[in-house]
Amino acid sequence: MTDGAVQSVREALNTRELLKVKVLDGAPAGAREMGEALVERIPGAQLVQVIGRTVVVYRPHPERPEIRLP
């Protein structure tokens, strides 16, 4: 996972709270491992779900932090 990819997801989470990220077939690890590595690098982000090669990431909107996942 490149720094550029992490930055792109971080920026997308500034306008959306929920984001689907596709993990490429040639990735060095499985989708769950890549999703966990991604959210570790983005403060406040949570891995919500993994469906096949797609991970769903959540981070509260910066202007509405009162909405949280359990």
PDB file of N, CA and C in Angstrom:
ATOM      1  N   MET A   1       0.848  -1.165   0.000  1.00  0.00           N
ATOM      2  CA  MET A   1       0.000   0.000   0.000  1.00  0.00           C
ATOM      3  C   MET A   1       0.900   1.236   0.000  1.00  0.00           C
ATOM      4  N   THR A   2       0.689   2.064  -0.979  1.00  0.00           N
ATOM      5  CA  THR A   2       1.540   3.244  -1.118  1.00  0.00           C
ATOM      6  C   THR A   2       1.015   4.402  -0.259  1.00  0.00           C
ATOM      7  N   ASP A   3       1.908   5.338   0.003  1.00  0.00           N
ATOM      8  CA  ASP A   3       1.509   6.540   0.738  1.00  0.00           C
ATOM      9  C   ASP A   3       0.456   7.318  -0.038  1.00  0.00           C
ATOM     10  N   GLY A   4       0.573   7.316  -1.371  1.00  0.00           N
ATOM     11  CA  GLY A   4      -0.399   8.012  -2.213  1.00  0.00           C
ATOM     12  C   GLY A   4      -1.790   7.421  -2.098  1.00  0.00           C
ATOM     13  N   ALA A   5      -1.875   6.104  -2.027  1.00  0.00           N
ATOM     14  CA  ALA A   5      -3.174   5.446  -1.883  1.00  0.00           C
ATOM     15  C   ALA A   5      -3.801   5.792  -0.535  1.00  0.00           C
ATOM     16  N   VAL A   6      -2.995   5.761   0.507  1.00  0.00           N
ATOM     17  CA  VAL A   6      -3.493   6.106   1.847  1.00  0.00           C
ATOM     18  C   VAL A   6      -3.967   7.557   1.868  1.00  0.00           C
ATOM     19  N   GLN A   7      -3.219   8.452   1.257  1.00  0.00           N
ATOM     20  CA  GLN A   7      -3.592   9.868   1.212  1.00  0.00           C
ATOM     21  C   GLN A   7      -4.900  10.061   0.445  1.00  0.00           C
ATOM     22  N   SER A   8      -5.082   9.325  -0.647  1.00  0.00           N
ATOM     23  CA  SER A   8      -6.322   9.427  -1.424  1.00  0.00           C
ATOM     24  C   SER A   8      -7.533   8.994  -0.603  1.00  0.00           C
ATOM     25  N   VAL A   9      -7.392   7.906   0.136  1.00  0.00           N
ATOM     26  CA  VAL A   9      -8.489   7.439   0.987  1.00  0.00           C
ATOM     27  C   VAL A   9      -8.749   8.443   2.097  1.00  0.00           C
ATOM     28  N   ARG A  10      -7.699   8.967   2.700  1.00  0.00           N
ATOM     29  CA  ARG A  10      -7.845   9.964   3.773  1.00  0.00           C
ATOM     30  C   ARG A  10      -8.614  11.182   3.262  1.00  0.00           C
ATOM     31  N   GLU A  11      -8.268  11.672   2.075  1.00  0.00           N
ATOM     32  CA  GLU A  11      -8.948  12.832   1.503  1.00  0.00           C
ATOM     33  C   GLU A  11     -10.402  12.519   1.158  1.00  0.00           C
ATOM     34  N   ALA A  12     -10.667  11.314   0.642  1.00  0.00           N
ATOM     35  CA  ALA A  12     -12.040  10.927   0.314  1.00  0.00           C
ATOM     36  C   ALA A  12     -12.896  10.859   1.577  1.00  0.00           C
ATOM     37  N   LEU A  13     -12.299  10.452   2.684  1.00  0.00           N
ATOM     38  CA  LEU A  13     -13.042  10.375   3.944  1.00  0.00           C
ATOM     39  C   LEU A  13     -13.339  11.755   4.532  1.00  0.00           C
ATOM     40  N   ASN A  14     -12.757  12.808   3.987  1.00  0.00           N
ATOM     41  CA  ASN A  14     -13.091  14.165   4.432  1.00  0.00           C
ATOM     42  C   ASN A  14     -14.446  14.603   3.903  1.00  0.00           C
ATOM     43  N   THR A  15     -14.914  13.986   2.807  1.00  0.00           N
ATOM     44  CA  THR A  15     -16.205  14.359   2.234  1.00  0.00           C
ATOM     45  C   THR A  15     -17.242  13.253   2.372  1.00  0.00           C
ATOM     46  N   ARG A  16     -16.802  12.032   2.626  1.00  0.00           N
ATOM     47  CA  ARG A  16     -17.704  10.900   2.798  1.00  0.00           C
ATOM     48  C   ARG A  16     -17.346  10.183   4.092  1.00  0.00           C
ATOM     49  N   GLU A  17     -18.335   9.694   4.782  1.00  0.00           N
ATOM     50  CA  GLU A  17     -18.052   8.956   6.013  1.00  0.00           C
ATOM     51  C   GLU A  17     -17.789   7.480   5.749  1.00  0.00           C
ATOM     52  N   LEU A  18     -18.396   6.951   4.707  1.00  0.00           N
ATOM     53  CA  LEU A  18     -18.301   5.536   4.395  1.00  0.00           C
ATOM     54  C   LEU A  18     -17.706   5.398   3.004  1.00  0.00           C
ATOM     55  N   LEU A  19     -16.733   4.514   2.873  1.00  0.00           N
ATOM     56  CA  LEU A  19     -16.008   4.396   1.613  1.00  0.00           C
ATOM     57  C   LEU A  19     -15.704   2.939   1.325  1.00  0.00           C
ATOM     58  N   LYS A  20     -15.944   2.521   0.080  1.00  0.00           N
ATOM     59  CA  LYS A  20     -15.574   1.177  -0.353  1.00  0.00           C
ATOM     60  C   LYS A  20     -14.240   1.267  -1.082  1.00  0.00           C
ATOM     61  N   VAL A  21     -13.313   0.372  -0.719  1.00  0.00           N
ATOM     62  CA  VAL A  21     -11.985   0.357  -1.338  1.00  0.00           C
ATOM     63  C   VAL A  21     -11.743  -1.043  -1.883  1.00  0.00           C
ATOM     64  N   LYS A  22     -11.417  -1.129  -3.155  1.00  0.00           N
ATOM     65  CA  LYS A  22     -11.150  -2.414  -3.796  1.00  0.00           C
ATOM     66  C   LYS A  22      -9.673  -2.754  -3.629  1.00  0.00           C
ATOM     67  N   VAL A  23      -9.393  -3.959  -3.140  1.00  0.00           N
ATOM     68  CA  VAL A  23      -8.022  -4.442  -2.993  1.00  0.00           C
ATOM     69  C   VAL A  23      -7.693  -5.249  -4.240  1.00  0.00           C
ATOM     70  N   LEU A  24      -6.612  -4.912  -4.889  1.00  0.00           N
ATOM     71  CA  LEU A  24      -6.240  -5.584  -6.133  1.00  0.00           C
ATOM     72  C   LEU A  24      -5.919  -7.054  -5.906  1.00  0.00           C
ATOM     73  N   ASP A  25      -6.148  -7.862  -6.930  1.00  0.00           N
ATOM     74  CA  ASP A  25      -5.852  -9.296  -6.848  1.00  0.00           C
ATOM     75  C   ASP A  25      -4.377  -9.561  -6.570  1.00  0.00           C
ATOM     76  N   GLY A  26      -3.496  -8.718  -7.065  1.00  0.00           N
ATOM     77  CA  GLY A  26      -2.061  -8.909  -6.881  1.00  0.00           C
ATOM     78  C   GLY A  26      -1.503  -8.317  -5.600  1.00  0.00           C
ATOM     79  N   ALA A  27      -2.385  -7.900  -4.687  1.00  0.00           N
ATOM     80  CA  ALA A  27      -1.924  -7.302  -3.432  1.00  0.00           C
ATOM     81  C   ALA A  27      -1.122  -8.326  -2.626  1.00  0.00           C
ATOM     82  N   PRO A  28      -0.129  -7.860  -1.874  1.00  0.00           N
ATOM     83  CA  PRO A  28       0.735  -8.777  -1.124  1.00  0.00           C
ATOM     84  C   PRO A  28       0.048  -9.472   0.055  1.00  0.00           C
ATOM     85  N   ALA A  29      -1.161  -9.044   0.410  1.00  0.00           N
ATOM     86  CA  ALA A  29      -1.895  -9.651   1.524  1.00  0.00           C
ATOM     87  C   ALA A  29      -3.369  -9.700   1.151  1.00  0.00           C
ATOM     88  N   GLY A  30      -4.159 -10.375   1.972  1.00  0.00           N
ATOM     89  CA  GLY A  30      -5.591 -10.468   1.735  1.00  0.00           C
ATOM     90  C   GLY A  30      -6.301  -9.154   2.000  1.00  0.00           C
ATOM     91  N   ALA A  31      -7.561  -9.102   1.615  1.00  0.00           N
ATOM     92  CA  ALA A  31      -8.337  -7.871   1.765  1.00  0.00           C
ATOM     93  C   ALA A  31      -8.454  -7.443   3.222  1.00  0.00           C
ATOM     94  N   ARG A  32      -8.711  -8.386   4.135  1.00  0.00           N
ATOM     95  CA  ARG A  32      -8.843  -8.026   5.552  1.00  0.00           C
ATOM     96  C   ARG A  32      -7.541  -7.424   6.080  1.00  0.00           C
ATOM     97  N   GLU A  33      -6.419  -8.060   5.762  1.00  0.00           N
ATOM     98  CA  GLU A  33      -5.121  -7.550   6.239  1.00  0.00           C
ATOM     99  C   GLU A  33      -4.823  -6.174   5.653  1.00  0.00           C
ATOM    100  N   MET A  34      -5.138  -5.984   4.375  1.00  0.00           N
ATOM    101  CA  MET A  34      -4.895  -4.682   3.752  1.00  0.00           C
ATOM    102  C   MET A  34      -5.816  -3.618   4.350  1.00  0.00           C
ATOM    103  N   GLY A  35      -7.067  -3.978   4.615  1.00  0.00           N
ATOM    104  CA  GLY A  35      -8.002  -3.037   5.236  1.00  0.00           C
ATOM    105  C   GLY A  35      -7.550  -2.633   6.633  1.00  0.00           C
ATOM    106  N   GLU A  36      -7.090  -3.613   7.404  1.00  0.00           N
ATOM    107  CA  GLU A  36      -6.599  -3.307   8.749  1.00  0.00           C
ATOM    108  C   GLU A  36      -5.363  -2.416   8.699  1.00  0.00           C
ATOM    109  N   ALA A  37      -4.473  -2.680   7.739  1.00  0.00           N
ATOM    110  CA  ALA A  37      -3.278  -1.842   7.591  1.00  0.00           C
ATOM    111  C   ALA A  37      -3.668  -0.422   7.187  1.00  0.00           C
ATOM    112  N   LEU A  38      -4.688  -0.310   6.341  1.00  0.00           N
ATOM    113  CA  LEU A  38      -5.147   1.012   5.896  1.00  0.00           C
ATOM    114  C   LEU A  38      -5.690   1.829   7.051  1.00  0.00           C
ATOM    115  N   VAL A  39      -6.587   1.252   7.856  1.00  0.00           N
ATOM    116  CA  VAL A  39      -7.192   2.036   8.947  1.00  0.00           C
ATOM    117  C   VAL A  39      -6.186   2.360  10.045  1.00  0.00           C
ATOM    118  N   GLU A  40      -5.131   1.568  10.170  1.00  0.00           N
ATOM    119  CA  GLU A  40      -4.083   1.903  11.138  1.00  0.00           C
ATOM    120  C   GLU A  40      -3.364   3.188  10.755  1.00  0.00           C
ATOM    121  N   ARG A  41      -3.341   3.493   9.467  1.00  0.00           N
ATOM    122  CA  ARG A  41      -2.622   4.677   8.978  1.00  0.00           C
ATOM    123  C   ARG A  41      -3.507   5.910   8.850  1.00  0.00           C
ATOM    124  N   ILE A  42      -4.808   5.763   9.140  1.00  0.00           N
ATOM    125  CA  ILE A  42      -5.736   6.897   9.041  1.00  0.00           C
ATOM    126  C   ILE A  42      -6.390   7.098  10.409  1.00  0.00           C
ATOM    127  N   PRO A  43      -6.026   8.146  11.123  1.00  0.00           N
ATOM    128  CA  PRO A  43      -6.594   8.386  12.458  1.00  0.00           C
ATOM    129  C   PRO A  43      -8.119   8.462  12.430  1.00  0.00           C
ATOM    130  N   GLY A  44      -8.748   7.732  13.336  1.00  0.00           N
ATOM    131  CA  GLY A  44     -10.197   7.758  13.463  1.00  0.00           C
ATOM    132  C   GLY A  44     -10.943   6.818  12.534  1.00  0.00           C
ATOM    133  N   ALA A  45     -10.250   6.187  11.596  1.00  0.00           N
ATOM    134  CA  ALA A  45     -10.905   5.292  10.639  1.00  0.00           C
ATOM    135  C   ALA A  45     -11.116   3.915  11.251  1.00  0.00           C
ATOM    136  N   GLN A  46     -12.194   3.269  10.821  1.00  0.00           N
ATOM    137  CA  GLN A  46     -12.526   1.927  11.294  1.00  0.00           C
ATOM    138  C   GLN A  46     -12.828   1.030  10.108  1.00  0.00           C
ATOM    139  N   LEU A  47     -12.393  -0.207  10.181  1.00  0.00           N
ATOM    140  CA  LEU A  47     -12.738  -1.198   9.174  1.00  0.00           C
ATOM    141  C   LEU A  47     -14.108  -1.745   9.538  1.00  0.00           C
ATOM    142  N   VAL A  48     -15.086  -1.558   8.651  1.00  0.00           N
ATOM    143  CA  VAL A  48     -16.461  -1.937   8.940  1.00  0.00           C
ATOM    144  C   VAL A  48     -16.769  -3.342   8.430  1.00  0.00           C
ATOM    145  N   GLN A  49     -16.331  -3.631   7.190  1.00  0.00           N
ATOM    146  CA  GLN A  49     -16.729  -4.878   6.568  1.00  0.00           C
ATOM    147  C   GLN A  49     -15.753  -5.232   5.454  1.00  0.00           C
ATOM    148  N   VAL A  50     -15.612  -6.538   5.214  1.00  0.00           N
ATOM    149  CA  VAL A  50     -14.832  -7.024   4.083  1.00  0.00           C
ATOM    150  C   VAL A  50     -15.735  -7.957   3.288  1.00  0.00           C
ATOM    151  N   ILE A  51     -15.914  -7.656   2.009  1.00  0.00           N
ATOM    152  CA  ILE A  51     -16.718  -8.490   1.123  1.00  0.00           C
ATOM    153  C   ILE A  51     -15.842  -8.831  -0.074  1.00  0.00           C
ATOM    154  N   GLY A  52     -15.379 -10.053  -0.140  1.00  0.00           N
ATOM    155  CA  GLY A  52     -14.484 -10.447  -1.222  1.00  0.00           C
ATOM    156  C   GLY A  52     -13.203  -9.644  -1.163  1.00  0.00           C
ATOM    157  N   ARG A  53     -12.916  -8.893  -2.221  1.00  0.00           N
ATOM    158  CA  ARG A  53     -11.719  -8.057  -2.289  1.00  0.00           C
ATOM    159  C   ARG A  53     -12.028  -6.586  -1.984  1.00  0.00           C
ATOM    160  N   THR A  54     -13.231  -6.312  -1.491  1.00  0.00           N
ATOM    161  CA  THR A  54     -13.647  -4.940  -1.190  1.00  0.00           C
ATOM    162  C   THR A  54     -13.725  -4.738   0.316  1.00  0.00           C
ATOM    163  N   VAL A  55     -13.108  -3.658   0.797  1.00  0.00           N
ATOM    164  CA  VAL A  55     -13.183  -3.311   2.209  1.00  0.00           C
ATOM    165  C   VAL A  55     -14.016  -2.042   2.350  1.00  0.00           C
ATOM    166  N   VAL A  56     -14.774  -1.972   3.431  1.00  0.00           N
ATOM    167  CA  VAL A  56     -15.587  -0.794   3.723  1.00  0.00           C
ATOM    168  C   VAL A  56     -14.969  -0.110   4.935  1.00  0.00           C
ATOM    169  N   VAL A  57     -14.649   1.179   4.755  1.00  0.00           N
ATOM    170  CA  VAL A  57     -13.976   1.968   5.785  1.00  0.00           C
ATOM    171  C   VAL A  57     -14.898   3.101   6.214  1.00  0.00           C
ATOM    172  N   TYR A  58     -14.945   3.358   7.521  1.00  0.00           N
ATOM    173  CA  TYR A  58     -15.769   4.426   8.086  1.00  0.00           C
ATOM    174  C   TYR A  58     -14.902   5.356   8.918  1.00  0.00           C
ATOM    175  N   ARG A  59     -15.184   6.635   8.776  1.00  0.00           N
ATOM    176  CA  ARG A  59     -14.605   7.641   9.675  1.00  0.00           C
ATOM    177  C   ARG A  59     -15.645   8.742   9.818  1.00  0.00           C
ATOM    178  N   PRO A  60     -15.943   9.158  11.045  1.00  0.00           N
ATOM    179  CA  PRO A  60     -16.940  10.219  11.241  1.00  0.00           C
ATOM    180  C   PRO A  60     -16.564  11.480  10.468  1.00  0.00           C
ATOM    181  N   HIS A  61     -17.570  12.156   9.975  1.00  0.00           N
ATOM    182  CA  HIS A  61     -17.354  13.412   9.264  1.00  0.00           C
ATOM    183  C   HIS A  61     -16.689  14.395  10.215  1.00  0.00           C
ATOM    184  N   PRO A  62     -15.674  15.138   9.748  1.00  0.00           N
ATOM    185  CA  PRO A  62     -14.952  16.056  10.642  1.00  0.00           C
ATOM    186  C   PRO A  62     -15.840  17.109  11.308  1.00  0.00           C
ATOM    187  N   GLU A  63     -16.942  17.492  10.656  1.00  0.00           N
ATOM    188  CA  GLU A  63     -17.814  18.513  11.222  1.00  0.00           C
ATOM    189  C   GLU A  63     -18.973  17.927  12.012  1.00  0.00           C
ATOM    190  N   ARG A  64     -19.151  16.599  11.976  1.00  0.00           N
ATOM    191  CA  ARG A  64     -20.225  15.939  12.722  1.00  0.00           C
ATOM    192  C   ARG A  64     -19.666  14.724  13.458  1.00  0.00           C
ATOM    193  N   PRO A  65     -18.740  14.916  14.364  1.00  0.00           N
ATOM    194  CA  PRO A  65     -18.106  13.777  15.051  1.00  0.00           C
ATOM    195  C   PRO A  65     -19.016  13.067  16.043  1.00  0.00           C
ATOM    196  N   GLU A  66     -20.235  13.572  16.290  1.00  0.00           N
ATOM    197  CA  GLU A  66     -21.103  12.942  17.272  1.00  0.00           C
ATOM    198  C   GLU A  66     -21.697  11.626  16.783  1.00  0.00           C
ATOM    199  N   ILE A  67     -21.688  11.371  15.482  1.00  0.00           N
ATOM    200  CA  ILE A  67     -22.216  10.121  14.938  1.00  0.00           C
ATOM    201  C   ILE A  67     -21.091   9.092  14.946  1.00  0.00           C
ATOM    202  N   ARG A  68     -21.290   7.991  15.670  1.00  0.00           N
ATOM    203  CA  ARG A  68     -20.243   6.979  15.812  1.00  0.00           C
ATOM    204  C   ARG A  68     -20.833   5.593  15.594  1.00  0.00           C
ATOM    205  N   LEU A  69     -19.999   4.687  15.094  1.00  0.00           N
ATOM    206  CA  LEU A  69     -20.382   3.283  15.025  1.00  0.00           C
ATOM    207  C   LEU A  69     -20.157   2.655  16.385  1.00  0.00           C
ATOM    208  N   PRO A  70     -20.944   1.646  16.714  1.00  0.00           N
ATOM    209  CA  PRO A  70     -20.738   0.991  18.019  1.00  0.00           C
ATOM    210  C   PRO A  70     -19.416   0.265  18.087  1.00  0.00           C
TER     211      PRO A  70
END
